[in-house]
Amino acid sequence: MFRRIVAMAMLISFIAMSTSGAMMFVIEKPSFTIQMHPVHKLFGLLMVISAIAHITLNVRSIRAHLRARSAVIAVGALTVLLLLLYGVSLNNAIPTDLASQMDDAASKAESRGRQK
């Protein structure tokens, strides 16, 4: 039963994250990104929780996959890419006044969503 719940949570959170992320990628407007932020954030949290449960439930299979050299290379390459992109993103400073305006707008958008 728990495996089924985890699988369905992973499925729904993947659909939500991929569709909201794809829309934000295609519609490159900060206002739209802020509008989608609550959906993306909530289902991102659900995806993290369900991914941890999924990994815990399938740790033996994951270890077996990592015995293959190609899997280790893929994991290593993706990890390096992730770290590089984090580094680029974190070093791409946004001016403080603009960041403050964006944070305020996101906060207002989220609070409006809760009020409805």
N, C-alpha and C. Protein backbone atom coordinates (compact mmCIF):
# COMPACT_ATOMS: atom_id res chain seq x y z
N MET A 1 0.82 -1.20 0.00
CA MET A 1 0.00 0.00 0.00
C MET A 1 0.87 1.27 0.00
N PHE A 2 1.90 1.29 0.89
CA PHE A 2 2.77 2.46 0.97
C PHE A 2 3.52 2.68 -0.34
N ARG A 3 3.97 1.60 -0.98
CA ARG A 3 4.66 1.71 -2.28
C ARG A 3 3.74 2.34 -3.33
N ARG A 4 2.49 1.98 -3.32
CA ARG A 4 1.53 2.54 -4.28
C ARG A 4 1.35 4.04 -4.06
N ILE A 5 1.24 4.42 -2.80
CA ILE A 5 1.08 5.85 -2.48
C ILE A 5 2.32 6.62 -2.92
N VAL A 6 3.50 6.07 -2.64
CA VAL A 6 4.75 6.72 -3.04
C VAL A 6 4.81 6.83 -4.56
N ALA A 7 4.45 5.75 -5.25
CA ALA A 7 4.49 5.77 -6.72
C ALA A 7 3.53 6.81 -7.29
N MET A 8 2.33 6.91 -6.75
CA MET A 8 1.36 7.90 -7.25
C MET A 8 1.80 9.33 -6.90
N ALA A 9 2.38 9.51 -5.71
CA ALA A 9 2.89 10.84 -5.33
C ALA A 9 4.02 11.25 -6.27
N MET A 10 4.90 10.30 -6.60
CA MET A 10 5.99 10.59 -7.55
C MET A 10 5.42 10.95 -8.91
N LEU A 11 4.43 10.21 -9.36
CA LEU A 11 3.84 10.46 -10.68
C LEU A 11 3.20 11.84 -10.74
N ILE A 12 2.35 12.14 -9.79
CA ILE A 12 1.65 13.43 -9.80
C ILE A 12 2.62 14.59 -9.61
N SER A 13 3.58 14.44 -8.69
CA SER A 13 4.53 15.52 -8.49
C SER A 13 5.42 15.70 -9.72
N PHE A 14 5.78 14.61 -10.39
CA PHE A 14 6.56 14.73 -11.62
C PHE A 14 5.76 15.47 -12.69
N ILE A 15 4.50 15.12 -12.84
CA ILE A 15 3.66 15.81 -13.84
C ILE A 15 3.55 17.29 -13.50
N ALA A 16 3.31 17.61 -12.24
CA ALA A 16 3.18 19.01 -11.83
C ALA A 16 4.48 19.77 -12.02
N MET A 17 5.59 19.19 -11.60
CA MET A 17 6.89 19.87 -11.73
C MET A 17 7.29 20.02 -13.18
N SER A 18 7.10 18.98 -13.97
CA SER A 18 7.53 19.07 -15.37
C SER A 18 6.66 20.03 -16.17
N THR A 19 5.35 20.03 -15.94
CA THR A 19 4.49 20.94 -16.70
C THR A 19 4.66 22.38 -16.25
N SER A 20 4.75 22.62 -14.93
CA SER A 20 4.94 24.00 -14.48
C SER A 20 6.33 24.50 -14.89
N GLY A 21 7.33 23.64 -14.78
CA GLY A 21 8.68 24.02 -15.20
C GLY A 21 8.76 24.29 -16.69
N ALA A 22 8.10 23.45 -17.49
CA ALA A 22 8.11 23.65 -18.95
C ALA A 22 7.39 24.95 -19.31
N MET A 23 6.27 25.23 -18.63
CA MET A 23 5.55 26.48 -18.91
C MET A 23 6.42 27.68 -18.55
N MET A 24 7.13 27.62 -17.42
CA MET A 24 8.00 28.73 -17.02
C MET A 24 9.17 28.86 -18.00
N PHE A 25 9.61 27.75 -18.57
CA PHE A 25 10.70 27.77 -19.54
C PHE A 25 10.25 28.42 -20.84
N VAL A 26 9.04 28.09 -21.27
CA VAL A 26 8.51 28.61 -22.54
C VAL A 26 8.02 30.05 -22.39
N ILE A 27 7.29 30.31 -21.32
CA ILE A 27 6.76 31.66 -21.07
C ILE A 27 7.77 32.37 -20.17
N GLU A 28 8.72 33.02 -20.77
CA GLU A 28 9.82 33.62 -20.03
C GLU A 28 9.47 35.00 -19.50
N LYS A 29 8.47 35.07 -18.67
CA LYS A 29 8.08 36.32 -18.04
C LYS A 29 8.18 36.14 -16.53
N PRO A 30 8.92 37.01 -15.87
CA PRO A 30 9.02 36.88 -14.41
C PRO A 30 7.66 36.86 -13.72
N SER A 31 6.71 37.61 -14.25
CA SER A 31 5.38 37.63 -13.63
C SER A 31 4.73 36.24 -13.69
N PHE A 32 4.93 35.53 -14.79
CA PHE A 32 4.36 34.19 -14.91
C PHE A 32 5.09 33.21 -13.99
N THR A 33 6.41 33.35 -13.90
CA THR A 33 7.19 32.50 -13.00
C THR A 33 6.72 32.68 -11.56
N ILE A 34 6.50 33.94 -11.18
CA ILE A 34 6.02 34.22 -9.82
C ILE A 34 4.61 33.64 -9.63
N GLN A 35 3.79 33.72 -10.67
CA GLN A 35 2.43 33.19 -10.60
C GLN A 35 2.46 31.66 -10.41
N MET A 36 3.39 30.98 -11.07
CA MET A 36 3.48 29.52 -10.99
C MET A 36 4.27 29.03 -9.77
N HIS A 37 4.95 29.95 -9.11
CA HIS A 37 5.82 29.60 -7.99
C HIS A 37 5.15 28.74 -6.92
N PRO A 38 3.94 29.06 -6.45
CA PRO A 38 3.33 28.21 -5.40
C PRO A 38 3.13 26.77 -5.85
N VAL A 39 2.70 26.57 -7.09
CA VAL A 39 2.48 25.21 -7.60
C VAL A 39 3.81 24.47 -7.66
N HIS A 40 4.81 25.12 -8.26
CA HIS A 40 6.12 24.51 -8.45
C HIS A 40 6.77 24.19 -7.10
N LYS A 41 6.62 25.09 -6.15
CA LYS A 41 7.23 24.92 -4.83
C LYS A 41 6.56 23.79 -4.04
N LEU A 42 5.24 23.76 -4.03
CA LEU A 42 4.51 22.74 -3.28
C LEU A 42 4.76 21.34 -3.84
N PHE A 43 4.65 21.21 -5.16
CA PHE A 43 4.86 19.90 -5.75
C PHE A 43 6.33 19.51 -5.78
N GLY A 44 7.21 20.50 -5.72
CA GLY A 44 8.64 20.21 -5.55
C GLY A 44 8.89 19.56 -4.21
N LEU A 45 8.26 20.09 -3.17
CA LEU A 45 8.38 19.51 -1.84
C LEU A 45 7.82 18.09 -1.81
N LEU A 46 6.64 17.90 -2.42
CA LEU A 46 6.05 16.56 -2.50
C LEU A 46 6.97 15.61 -3.26
N MET A 47 7.61 16.11 -4.32
CA MET A 47 8.50 15.26 -5.11
C MET A 47 9.72 14.86 -4.28
N VAL A 48 10.27 15.78 -3.51
CA VAL A 48 11.43 15.46 -2.66
C VAL A 48 11.05 14.40 -1.63
N ILE A 49 9.92 14.57 -0.98
CA ILE A 49 9.48 13.60 0.03
C ILE A 49 9.23 12.23 -0.59
N SER A 50 8.54 12.21 -1.72
CA SER A 50 8.25 10.92 -2.36
C SER A 50 9.52 10.31 -2.95
N ALA A 51 10.46 11.13 -3.42
CA ALA A 51 11.73 10.59 -3.94
C ALA A 51 12.55 9.96 -2.82
N ILE A 52 12.56 10.58 -1.66
CA ILE A 52 13.28 9.99 -0.52
C ILE A 52 12.65 8.65 -0.15
N ALA A 53 11.33 8.60 -0.13
CA ALA A 53 10.64 7.33 0.17
C ALA A 53 10.94 6.30 -0.92
N HIS A 54 10.92 6.72 -2.17
CA HIS A 54 11.20 5.82 -3.30
C HIS A 54 12.62 5.27 -3.21
N ILE A 55 13.58 6.13 -2.93
CA ILE A 55 14.98 5.69 -2.82
C ILE A 55 15.13 4.72 -1.65
N THR A 56 14.49 5.02 -0.54
CA THR A 56 14.55 4.14 0.63
C THR A 56 13.96 2.77 0.32
N LEU A 57 12.84 2.76 -0.39
CA LEU A 57 12.19 1.49 -0.73
C LEU A 57 12.96 0.69 -1.77
N ASN A 58 13.80 1.36 -2.56
CA ASN A 58 14.46 0.70 -3.68
C ASN A 58 15.99 0.78 -3.61
N VAL A 59 16.52 0.89 -2.41
CA VAL A 59 17.96 1.08 -2.25
C VAL A 59 18.76 -0.10 -2.82
N ARG A 60 18.27 -1.30 -2.69
CA ARG A 60 18.99 -2.47 -3.23
C ARG A 60 19.08 -2.41 -4.75
N SER A 61 17.99 -2.06 -5.39
CA SER A 61 18.00 -1.96 -6.85
C SER A 61 18.92 -0.84 -7.32
N ILE A 62 18.92 0.26 -6.61
CA ILE A 62 19.78 1.39 -6.97
C ILE A 62 21.25 0.98 -6.85
N ARG A 63 21.57 0.29 -5.78
CA ARG A 63 22.95 -0.19 -5.61
C ARG A 63 23.33 -1.13 -6.75
N ALA A 64 22.40 -1.99 -7.15
CA ALA A 64 22.68 -2.92 -8.25
C ALA A 64 22.93 -2.15 -9.55
N HIS A 65 22.16 -1.10 -9.79
CA HIS A 65 22.36 -0.29 -10.99
C HIS A 65 23.73 0.37 -10.98
N LEU A 66 24.18 0.78 -9.81
CA LEU A 66 25.45 1.48 -9.69
C LEU A 66 26.67 0.57 -9.82
N ARG A 67 26.43 -0.72 -9.97
CA ARG A 67 27.54 -1.64 -10.23
C ARG A 67 28.00 -1.54 -11.68
N ALA A 68 27.14 -1.02 -12.53
CA ALA A 68 27.50 -0.86 -13.95
C ALA A 68 28.34 0.41 -14.11
N ARG A 69 29.44 0.29 -14.82
CA ARG A 69 30.35 1.43 -15.02
C ARG A 69 29.64 2.59 -15.71
N SER A 70 28.78 2.30 -16.67
CA SER A 70 28.08 3.35 -17.40
C SER A 70 27.16 4.16 -16.48
N ALA A 71 26.56 3.49 -15.51
CA ALA A 71 25.70 4.19 -14.56
C ALA A 71 26.52 5.12 -13.67
N VAL A 72 27.66 4.66 -13.23
CA VAL A 72 28.54 5.49 -12.39
C VAL A 72 29.02 6.70 -13.17
N ILE A 73 29.38 6.50 -14.44
CA ILE A 73 29.81 7.62 -15.28
C ILE A 73 28.68 8.62 -15.46
N ALA A 74 27.47 8.13 -15.73
CA ALA A 74 26.31 9.01 -15.92
C ALA A 74 26.01 9.80 -14.65
N VAL A 75 26.01 9.12 -13.51
CA VAL A 75 25.75 9.79 -12.23
C VAL A 75 26.83 10.83 -11.96
N GLY A 76 28.06 10.48 -12.20
CA GLY A 76 29.16 11.41 -11.99
C GLY A 76 29.06 12.63 -12.89
N ALA A 77 28.78 12.41 -14.17
CA ALA A 77 28.67 13.52 -15.12
C ALA A 77 27.50 14.44 -14.76
N LEU A 78 26.37 13.85 -14.41
CA LEU A 78 25.21 14.67 -14.04
C LEU A 78 25.44 15.43 -12.74
N THR A 79 26.17 14.82 -11.81
CA THR A 79 26.48 15.50 -10.56
C THR A 79 27.41 16.69 -10.81
N VAL A 80 28.41 16.50 -11.65
CA VAL A 80 29.31 17.61 -12.00
C VAL A 80 28.53 18.73 -12.69
N LEU A 81 27.66 18.36 -13.63
CA LEU A 81 26.83 19.35 -14.32
C LEU A 81 25.96 20.12 -13.33
N LEU A 82 25.33 19.41 -12.42
CA LEU A 82 24.49 20.04 -11.40
C LEU A 82 25.29 21.04 -10.57
N LEU A 83 26.46 20.62 -10.11
CA LEU A 83 27.28 21.50 -9.29
C LEU A 83 27.75 22.72 -10.08
N LEU A 84 28.12 22.53 -11.33
CA LEU A 84 28.52 23.66 -12.17
C LEU A 84 27.37 24.66 -12.35
N LEU A 85 26.18 24.13 -12.61
CA LEU A 85 25.02 25.01 -12.79
C LEU A 85 24.65 25.73 -11.51
N TYR A 86 24.78 25.05 -10.37
CA TYR A 86 24.57 25.72 -9.09
C TYR A 86 25.57 26.85 -8.93
N GLY A 87 26.82 26.58 -9.25
CA GLY A 87 27.87 27.60 -9.14
C GLY A 87 27.59 28.80 -10.02
N VAL A 88 27.20 28.55 -11.27
CA VAL A 88 26.88 29.65 -12.19
C VAL A 88 25.69 30.44 -11.66
N SER A 89 24.65 29.73 -11.23
CA SER A 89 23.45 30.40 -10.75
C SER A 89 23.71 31.24 -9.50
N LEU A 90 24.44 30.69 -8.57
CA LEU A 90 24.71 31.41 -7.32
C LEU A 90 25.65 32.60 -7.52
N ASN A 91 26.46 32.56 -8.57
CA ASN A 91 27.35 33.68 -8.86
C ASN A 91 26.73 34.70 -9.81
N ASN A 92 25.50 34.46 -10.23
CA ASN A 92 24.78 35.38 -11.10
C ASN A 92 23.92 36.27 -10.21
N ALA A 93 24.57 37.25 -9.62
CA ALA A 93 23.90 38.09 -8.62
C ALA A 93 22.81 38.95 -9.25
N ILE A 94 21.70 39.05 -8.54
CA ILE A 94 20.60 39.92 -8.93
C ILE A 94 20.71 41.17 -8.05
N PRO A 95 20.59 42.36 -8.64
CA PRO A 95 20.67 43.58 -7.82
C PRO A 95 19.68 43.51 -6.65
N THR A 96 20.12 43.98 -5.50
CA THR A 96 19.35 43.88 -4.26
C THR A 96 17.96 44.48 -4.39
N ASP A 97 17.85 45.65 -5.02
CA ASP A 97 16.53 46.30 -5.14
C ASP A 97 15.60 45.47 -6.02
N LEU A 98 16.12 44.90 -7.09
CA LEU A 98 15.30 44.06 -7.97
C LEU A 98 14.91 42.76 -7.27
N ALA A 99 15.85 42.16 -6.56
CA ALA A 99 15.57 40.93 -5.83
C ALA A 99 14.49 41.16 -4.78
N SER A 100 14.54 42.30 -4.11
CA SER A 100 13.55 42.64 -3.10
C SER A 100 12.16 42.78 -3.73
N GLN A 101 12.09 43.43 -4.88
CA GLN A 101 10.81 43.59 -5.58
C GLN A 101 10.25 42.23 -5.99
N MET A 102 11.12 41.36 -6.50
CA MET A 102 10.69 40.03 -6.92
C MET A 102 10.21 39.21 -5.73
N ASP A 103 10.94 39.28 -4.61
CA ASP A 103 10.55 38.56 -3.40
C ASP A 103 9.20 39.04 -2.88
N ASP A 104 8.99 40.35 -2.89
CA ASP A 104 7.72 40.92 -2.45
C ASP A 104 6.57 40.46 -3.35
N ALA A 105 6.82 40.46 -4.67
CA ALA A 105 5.79 40.03 -5.62
C ALA A 105 5.45 38.56 -5.42
N ALA A 106 6.46 37.71 -5.21
CA ALA A 106 6.22 36.29 -4.98
C ALA A 106 5.43 36.08 -3.69
N SER A 107 5.77 36.82 -2.66
CA SER A 107 5.06 36.72 -1.39
C SER A 107 3.60 37.10 -1.55
N LYS A 108 3.34 38.18 -2.27
CA LYS A 108 1.95 38.62 -2.51
C LYS A 108 1.19 37.59 -3.33
N ALA A 109 1.83 37.01 -4.35
CA ALA A 109 1.17 36.01 -5.18
C ALA A 109 0.80 34.78 -4.36
N GLU A 110 1.71 34.36 -3.49
CA GLU A 110 1.43 33.19 -2.66
C GLU A 110 0.33 33.47 -1.64
N SER A 111 0.33 34.65 -1.05
CA SER A 111 -0.69 34.96 -0.06
C SER A 111 -2.06 35.10 -0.72
N ARG A 112 -2.13 35.60 -1.93
CA ARG A 112 -3.42 35.66 -2.65
C ARG A 112 -3.95 34.26 -2.94
N GLY A 113 -3.05 33.35 -3.27
CA GLY A 113 -3.46 31.97 -3.54
C GLY A 113 -4.05 31.30 -2.32
N ARG A 114 -3.55 31.62 -1.14
CA ARG A 114 -4.05 31.03 0.11
C ARG A 114 -5.40 31.63 0.50
N GLN A 115 -5.64 32.88 0.10
CA GLN A 115 -6.87 33.56 0.49
C GLN A 115 -8.07 33.08 -0.32
N LYS A 116 -7.84 32.58 -1.51
CA LYS A 116 -8.96 32.16 -2.37
C LYS A 116 -9.59 30.90 -1.95
